[in-house]
N, C-alpha and C. Protein backbone atom coordinates (compact mmCIF):
# COMPACT_ATOMS: atom_id res chain seq x y z
N MET A 1 -1.69 26.35 -2.08
CA MET A 1 -1.13 25.84 -0.85
C MET A 1 -0.66 24.41 -1.10
N GLN A 2 0.46 24.05 -0.49
CA GLN A 2 1.01 22.70 -0.66
C GLN A 2 1.52 22.19 0.68
N LEU A 3 1.16 20.95 1.01
CA LEU A 3 1.69 20.32 2.21
C LEU A 3 3.15 19.98 1.95
N ARG A 4 4.06 20.55 2.72
CA ARG A 4 5.50 20.36 2.48
C ARG A 4 6.15 19.43 3.49
N TYR A 5 5.71 19.46 4.77
CA TYR A 5 6.36 18.68 5.81
C TYR A 5 5.32 18.05 6.73
N THR A 6 5.61 16.90 7.20
CA THR A 6 4.98 16.33 8.37
C THR A 6 6.12 16.16 9.35
N ILE A 7 6.05 16.81 10.49
CA ILE A 7 7.15 16.79 11.46
C ILE A 7 6.70 16.02 12.70
N MET A 8 7.48 15.02 13.05
CA MET A 8 7.19 14.20 14.22
C MET A 8 8.29 14.44 15.25
N TYR A 9 7.92 14.32 16.52
CA TYR A 9 8.86 14.62 17.60
C TYR A 9 9.35 13.32 18.24
N GLY A 10 10.65 13.26 18.48
CA GLY A 10 11.25 12.08 19.09
C GLY A 10 12.49 12.44 19.88
N ASP A 11 13.16 11.40 20.36
CA ASP A 11 14.31 11.62 21.23
C ASP A 11 15.65 11.49 20.53
N ASN A 12 15.72 10.76 19.41
CA ASN A 12 17.00 10.54 18.76
C ASN A 12 16.83 10.60 17.24
N GLY A 13 17.10 11.77 16.68
CA GLY A 13 16.93 11.99 15.25
C GLY A 13 17.70 11.04 14.36
N PRO A 14 19.02 10.89 14.55
CA PRO A 14 19.77 10.01 13.67
C PRO A 14 19.28 8.55 13.73
N GLU A 15 18.95 8.05 14.91
CA GLU A 15 18.44 6.67 15.01
C GLU A 15 17.08 6.54 14.34
N THR A 16 16.24 7.57 14.49
CA THR A 16 14.92 7.54 13.86
C THR A 16 15.06 7.55 12.35
N LEU A 17 15.90 8.43 11.82
CA LEU A 17 16.12 8.48 10.38
C LEU A 17 16.66 7.15 9.87
N ASP A 18 17.61 6.58 10.60
CA ASP A 18 18.19 5.29 10.19
C ASP A 18 17.13 4.20 10.19
N PHE A 19 16.24 4.23 11.16
CA PHE A 19 15.16 3.24 11.20
C PHE A 19 14.35 3.29 9.91
N TYR A 20 13.96 4.49 9.46
CA TYR A 20 13.14 4.61 8.26
C TYR A 20 13.92 4.28 6.99
N VAL A 21 15.21 4.53 6.99
CA VAL A 21 16.04 4.10 5.86
C VAL A 21 16.03 2.58 5.78
N GLN A 22 16.26 1.92 6.93
CA GLN A 22 16.31 0.46 6.96
C GLN A 22 14.93 -0.18 6.76
N ALA A 23 13.91 0.37 7.41
CA ALA A 23 12.58 -0.24 7.40
C ALA A 23 11.83 -0.03 6.10
N LEU A 24 11.98 1.16 5.50
CA LEU A 24 11.17 1.49 4.32
C LEU A 24 11.99 1.85 3.10
N GLY A 25 13.30 1.92 3.25
CA GLY A 25 14.14 2.26 2.11
C GLY A 25 14.09 3.73 1.74
N LEU A 26 13.66 4.59 2.68
CA LEU A 26 13.64 6.03 2.40
C LEU A 26 15.05 6.59 2.39
N GLU A 27 15.19 7.76 1.83
CA GLU A 27 16.50 8.42 1.73
C GLU A 27 16.51 9.66 2.63
N VAL A 28 17.61 9.83 3.37
CA VAL A 28 17.76 11.02 4.20
C VAL A 28 18.04 12.20 3.28
N GLY A 29 17.24 13.24 3.42
CA GLY A 29 17.43 14.45 2.63
C GLY A 29 18.26 15.49 3.36
N PHE A 30 18.17 15.46 4.71
CA PHE A 30 18.87 16.47 5.49
C PHE A 30 18.92 16.02 6.94
N LEU A 31 20.06 16.25 7.59
CA LEU A 31 20.19 16.08 9.03
C LEU A 31 21.04 17.23 9.54
N HIS A 32 20.46 18.06 10.41
CA HIS A 32 21.19 19.19 10.96
C HIS A 32 22.34 18.68 11.83
N GLU A 33 23.45 19.41 11.86
CA GLU A 33 24.63 19.00 12.64
C GLU A 33 24.33 18.82 14.12
N SER A 34 23.30 19.47 14.63
CA SER A 34 22.91 19.32 16.04
C SER A 34 22.20 18.00 16.30
N ASN A 35 21.79 17.31 15.23
CA ASN A 35 20.98 16.08 15.30
C ASN A 35 19.58 16.34 15.84
N ASP A 36 19.18 17.60 15.94
CA ASP A 36 17.86 17.95 16.45
C ASP A 36 16.78 17.99 15.37
N TYR A 37 17.17 17.96 14.10
CA TYR A 37 16.19 18.03 13.03
C TYR A 37 16.72 17.29 11.81
N GLY A 38 15.84 16.49 11.22
CA GLY A 38 16.21 15.77 10.00
C GLY A 38 15.01 15.53 9.13
N GLU A 39 15.26 15.28 7.83
CA GLU A 39 14.19 15.07 6.87
C GLU A 39 14.45 13.82 6.04
N LEU A 40 13.36 13.12 5.72
CA LEU A 40 13.40 11.99 4.80
C LEU A 40 12.68 12.39 3.53
N LEU A 41 13.18 11.94 2.40
CA LEU A 41 12.56 12.25 1.11
C LEU A 41 11.46 11.23 0.83
N THR A 42 10.26 11.74 0.58
CA THR A 42 9.11 10.87 0.33
C THR A 42 8.27 11.40 -0.84
N GLY A 43 8.91 12.02 -1.79
CA GLY A 43 8.16 12.65 -2.89
C GLY A 43 8.06 14.14 -2.63
N ASN A 44 6.89 14.71 -2.89
CA ASN A 44 6.71 16.15 -2.74
C ASN A 44 6.65 16.61 -1.29
N THR A 45 6.24 15.73 -0.39
CA THR A 45 6.14 16.07 1.02
C THR A 45 7.22 15.36 1.79
N LYS A 46 7.94 16.09 2.62
CA LYS A 46 9.02 15.50 3.41
C LYS A 46 8.47 14.98 4.74
N LEU A 47 8.99 13.86 5.19
CA LEU A 47 8.71 13.35 6.52
C LEU A 47 9.87 13.79 7.37
N ALA A 48 9.61 14.64 8.36
CA ALA A 48 10.68 15.24 9.14
C ALA A 48 10.55 14.86 10.61
N PHE A 49 11.67 14.93 11.31
CA PHE A 49 11.74 14.62 12.73
C PHE A 49 12.46 15.73 13.45
N SER A 50 11.91 16.14 14.58
CA SER A 50 12.51 17.15 15.41
C SER A 50 12.64 16.58 16.82
N SER A 51 13.73 16.91 17.48
CA SER A 51 13.91 16.41 18.84
C SER A 51 12.91 17.10 19.77
N LYS A 52 12.50 16.36 20.79
CA LYS A 52 11.61 16.94 21.79
C LYS A 52 12.31 18.09 22.52
N SER A 53 13.63 17.96 22.71
CA SER A 53 14.36 19.02 23.41
C SER A 53 14.35 20.32 22.61
N LEU A 54 14.48 20.23 21.30
CA LEU A 54 14.42 21.44 20.46
C LEU A 54 13.04 22.07 20.56
N MET A 55 11.99 21.26 20.50
CA MET A 55 10.64 21.80 20.59
C MET A 55 10.40 22.46 21.94
N THR A 56 10.96 21.89 23.00
CA THR A 56 10.84 22.48 24.34
C THR A 56 11.54 23.84 24.37
N GLN A 57 12.71 23.92 23.73
CA GLN A 57 13.44 25.19 23.64
C GLN A 57 12.62 26.24 22.90
N LEU A 58 11.77 25.79 21.97
CA LEU A 58 10.95 26.69 21.17
C LEU A 58 9.60 27.00 21.84
N GLY A 59 9.47 26.56 23.10
CA GLY A 59 8.27 26.88 23.85
C GLY A 59 7.11 25.92 23.66
N LYS A 60 7.37 24.77 23.06
CA LYS A 60 6.33 23.77 22.84
C LYS A 60 6.46 22.67 23.90
N SER A 61 5.42 21.89 24.08
CA SER A 61 5.44 20.79 25.03
C SER A 61 4.93 19.54 24.34
N PRO A 62 5.80 18.87 23.54
CA PRO A 62 5.34 17.72 22.77
C PRO A 62 4.92 16.55 23.65
N GLY A 63 3.84 15.89 23.23
CA GLY A 63 3.35 14.71 23.94
C GLY A 63 4.10 13.46 23.50
N THR A 64 3.66 12.34 24.02
CA THR A 64 4.26 11.05 23.70
C THR A 64 3.26 10.23 22.89
N PRO A 65 3.65 9.76 21.70
CA PRO A 65 2.73 8.97 20.89
C PRO A 65 2.46 7.60 21.53
N ASN A 66 1.29 7.05 21.22
CA ASN A 66 0.93 5.75 21.73
C ASN A 66 0.23 4.99 20.60
N PRO A 67 0.88 3.94 20.05
CA PRO A 67 0.28 3.23 18.92
C PRO A 67 -1.02 2.51 19.26
N LYS A 68 -1.28 2.28 20.55
CA LYS A 68 -2.54 1.65 20.95
C LYS A 68 -3.68 2.67 20.99
N HIS A 69 -3.33 3.94 21.08
CA HIS A 69 -4.31 5.02 21.11
C HIS A 69 -3.83 6.15 20.19
N PRO A 70 -3.68 5.87 18.89
CA PRO A 70 -3.13 6.88 17.98
C PRO A 70 -4.11 8.02 17.73
N VAL A 71 -3.54 9.17 17.44
CA VAL A 71 -4.35 10.32 17.03
C VAL A 71 -4.17 10.60 15.54
N PHE A 72 -3.22 9.92 14.90
CA PHE A 72 -3.02 9.99 13.46
C PHE A 72 -2.12 8.84 13.04
N GLU A 73 -2.00 8.66 11.75
CA GLU A 73 -1.07 7.68 11.21
C GLU A 73 -0.46 8.26 9.94
N ILE A 74 0.67 7.72 9.58
CA ILE A 74 1.31 8.04 8.31
C ILE A 74 1.23 6.78 7.46
N ALA A 75 0.74 6.89 6.24
CA ALA A 75 0.57 5.72 5.37
C ALA A 75 1.56 5.78 4.22
N PHE A 76 2.20 4.64 3.97
CA PHE A 76 3.11 4.49 2.84
C PHE A 76 2.49 3.51 1.87
N GLU A 77 2.20 3.97 0.66
CA GLU A 77 1.60 3.14 -0.37
C GLU A 77 2.70 2.43 -1.15
N VAL A 78 2.58 1.11 -1.27
CA VAL A 78 3.57 0.31 -1.98
C VAL A 78 2.85 -0.70 -2.86
N GLU A 79 3.57 -1.28 -3.81
CA GLU A 79 2.99 -2.32 -4.66
C GLU A 79 3.03 -3.68 -3.96
N ASP A 80 4.08 -3.94 -3.18
CA ASP A 80 4.24 -5.22 -2.50
C ASP A 80 4.14 -5.01 -0.98
N VAL A 81 2.92 -5.05 -0.46
CA VAL A 81 2.70 -4.80 0.96
C VAL A 81 3.40 -5.85 1.81
N GLU A 82 3.26 -7.10 1.45
CA GLU A 82 3.87 -8.20 2.22
C GLU A 82 5.38 -8.03 2.29
N GLY A 83 6.03 -7.75 1.15
CA GLY A 83 7.48 -7.56 1.13
C GLY A 83 7.93 -6.37 1.94
N ALA A 84 7.22 -5.24 1.82
CA ALA A 84 7.57 -4.04 2.57
C ALA A 84 7.35 -4.26 4.06
N PHE A 85 6.28 -4.98 4.41
CA PHE A 85 6.01 -5.24 5.82
C PHE A 85 7.12 -6.10 6.43
N LYS A 86 7.55 -7.14 5.70
CA LYS A 86 8.63 -7.99 6.20
C LYS A 86 9.93 -7.20 6.38
N LYS A 87 10.20 -6.28 5.46
CA LYS A 87 11.40 -5.45 5.56
C LYS A 87 11.32 -4.55 6.80
N ALA A 88 10.16 -3.94 7.04
CA ALA A 88 9.99 -3.08 8.22
C ALA A 88 10.12 -3.90 9.50
N GLN A 89 9.55 -5.08 9.51
CA GLN A 89 9.63 -5.94 10.68
C GLN A 89 11.07 -6.35 10.95
N ALA A 90 11.83 -6.67 9.91
CA ALA A 90 13.24 -7.05 10.07
C ALA A 90 14.08 -5.89 10.58
N ALA A 91 13.65 -4.66 10.29
CA ALA A 91 14.38 -3.47 10.74
C ALA A 91 14.04 -3.08 12.17
N GLY A 92 13.13 -3.83 12.81
CA GLY A 92 12.80 -3.56 14.20
C GLY A 92 11.47 -2.88 14.44
N ALA A 93 10.64 -2.76 13.40
CA ALA A 93 9.32 -2.18 13.59
C ALA A 93 8.49 -3.08 14.50
N THR A 94 7.67 -2.48 15.32
CA THR A 94 6.78 -3.23 16.21
C THR A 94 5.47 -3.47 15.47
N VAL A 95 5.13 -4.72 15.26
CA VAL A 95 3.92 -5.07 14.53
C VAL A 95 2.69 -4.68 15.34
N VAL A 96 1.80 -3.95 14.70
CA VAL A 96 0.52 -3.58 15.30
C VAL A 96 -0.60 -4.39 14.63
N GLN A 97 -0.50 -4.58 13.32
CA GLN A 97 -1.46 -5.39 12.57
C GLN A 97 -0.74 -6.08 11.43
N GLU A 98 -0.88 -7.38 11.34
CA GLU A 98 -0.32 -8.15 10.23
C GLU A 98 -0.98 -7.72 8.92
N VAL A 99 -0.40 -8.12 7.81
CA VAL A 99 -0.95 -7.82 6.49
C VAL A 99 -2.32 -8.49 6.36
N ARG A 100 -3.30 -7.70 5.88
CA ARG A 100 -4.63 -8.28 5.65
C ARG A 100 -5.33 -7.55 4.52
N GLU A 101 -6.28 -8.26 3.92
CA GLU A 101 -7.11 -7.69 2.86
C GLU A 101 -8.33 -7.04 3.51
N GLU A 102 -8.60 -5.79 3.14
CA GLU A 102 -9.73 -5.08 3.69
C GLU A 102 -10.95 -5.22 2.78
N PRO A 103 -12.16 -5.07 3.32
CA PRO A 103 -13.38 -5.23 2.51
C PRO A 103 -13.48 -4.25 1.34
N TRP A 104 -12.78 -3.12 1.42
CA TRP A 104 -12.85 -2.12 0.35
C TRP A 104 -11.80 -2.37 -0.74
N GLY A 105 -11.09 -3.52 -0.64
CA GLY A 105 -10.17 -3.91 -1.70
C GLY A 105 -8.73 -3.49 -1.51
N GLN A 106 -8.39 -2.94 -0.38
CA GLN A 106 -7.03 -2.50 -0.10
C GLN A 106 -6.34 -3.52 0.81
N THR A 107 -5.03 -3.68 0.63
CA THR A 107 -4.22 -4.49 1.53
C THR A 107 -3.56 -3.53 2.51
N THR A 108 -3.67 -3.81 3.81
CA THR A 108 -3.11 -2.92 4.83
C THR A 108 -2.29 -3.70 5.83
N SER A 109 -1.41 -2.99 6.50
CA SER A 109 -0.64 -3.50 7.62
C SER A 109 -0.18 -2.30 8.43
N TYR A 110 0.07 -2.53 9.73
CA TYR A 110 0.44 -1.43 10.61
C TYR A 110 1.61 -1.82 11.49
N PHE A 111 2.44 -0.83 11.81
CA PHE A 111 3.52 -1.00 12.76
C PHE A 111 3.77 0.31 13.48
N SER A 112 4.55 0.24 14.54
CA SER A 112 4.96 1.49 15.20
C SER A 112 6.47 1.60 15.11
N ASP A 113 6.93 2.84 15.06
CA ASP A 113 8.36 3.10 14.96
C ASP A 113 8.97 3.17 16.37
N PRO A 114 10.28 3.39 16.48
CA PRO A 114 10.92 3.43 17.81
C PRO A 114 10.39 4.54 18.73
N ASN A 115 9.76 5.57 18.15
CA ASN A 115 9.18 6.65 18.96
C ASN A 115 7.74 6.38 19.35
N GLY A 116 7.13 5.33 18.81
CA GLY A 116 5.75 4.99 19.12
C GLY A 116 4.73 5.52 18.12
N TYR A 117 5.20 6.08 16.99
CA TYR A 117 4.27 6.58 15.98
C TYR A 117 3.71 5.42 15.15
N LEU A 118 2.44 5.51 14.80
CA LEU A 118 1.77 4.48 14.02
C LEU A 118 1.95 4.75 12.54
N PHE A 119 2.38 3.70 11.82
CA PHE A 119 2.55 3.78 10.38
C PHE A 119 1.81 2.66 9.71
N GLU A 120 1.27 2.96 8.55
CA GLU A 120 0.58 1.97 7.73
C GLU A 120 1.41 1.72 6.48
N ILE A 121 1.51 0.47 6.10
CA ILE A 121 2.05 0.08 4.80
C ILE A 121 0.86 -0.53 4.06
N CYS A 122 0.53 0.06 2.91
CA CYS A 122 -0.72 -0.35 2.25
C CYS A 122 -0.58 -0.33 0.73
N SER A 123 -1.55 -0.95 0.10
CA SER A 123 -1.67 -0.89 -1.35
C SER A 123 -2.52 0.32 -1.72
N ALA A 124 -2.54 0.62 -3.00
CA ALA A 124 -3.37 1.72 -3.48
C ALA A 124 -4.85 1.35 -3.34
N VAL A 125 -5.68 2.35 -3.20
CA VAL A 125 -7.13 2.17 -3.19
C VAL A 125 -7.64 2.63 -4.53
N GLU A 126 -8.42 1.77 -5.16
CA GLU A 126 -9.01 2.16 -6.44
C GLU A 126 -10.18 3.08 -6.15
N ILE A 127 -10.06 4.31 -6.61
CA ILE A 127 -11.09 5.31 -6.35
C ILE A 127 -11.99 5.43 -7.58
N THR A 128 -13.26 5.29 -7.34
CA THR A 128 -14.22 5.47 -8.44
C THR A 128 -14.99 6.76 -8.17
N ASP A 129 -15.27 7.45 -9.19
CA ASP A 129 -16.00 8.71 -9.11
C ASP A 129 -17.49 8.41 -9.30
N ALA A 130 -18.26 8.55 -8.23
CA ALA A 130 -19.69 8.25 -8.27
C ALA A 130 -20.42 9.14 -9.28
N ARG A 131 -19.89 10.32 -9.54
CA ARG A 131 -20.56 11.23 -10.48
C ARG A 131 -20.52 10.68 -11.90
N SER A 132 -19.45 9.90 -12.24
CA SER A 132 -19.34 9.40 -13.59
C SER A 132 -20.16 8.13 -13.80
N ALA A 133 -20.74 7.58 -12.75
CA ALA A 133 -21.51 6.36 -12.84
C ALA A 133 -22.94 6.64 -13.34
N SER A 134 -23.37 7.87 -13.33
CA SER A 134 -24.76 8.16 -13.73
C SER A 134 -24.89 8.51 -15.18
């Protein structure tokens, strides 16, 4: 089994895709001519957006994200957190948390996109295997 897509619901696919191109330097992989569905290339898993109206047509009732009360986040790992954060902020991202060093050794920062979804820009976490320590 492989995770292929994370699909988020919003009101304006082309504007949302453009935001992520400008804010994070991602590349658009696909945008349907209806503008109701689009994908960004992020490695093996695509970050996709579907219009709320399309989901309603498909019998779904999408909710509205709230960055102050998130139920999930999408994290983008980068080498230069400060630089990526400044780029996202310049592209219109709403700052939720400035860049900071966490006690576990990771650098993190948070913003919300135009649809209200919470995103993290962070450094890698060094993972140690406790089993190899014995």
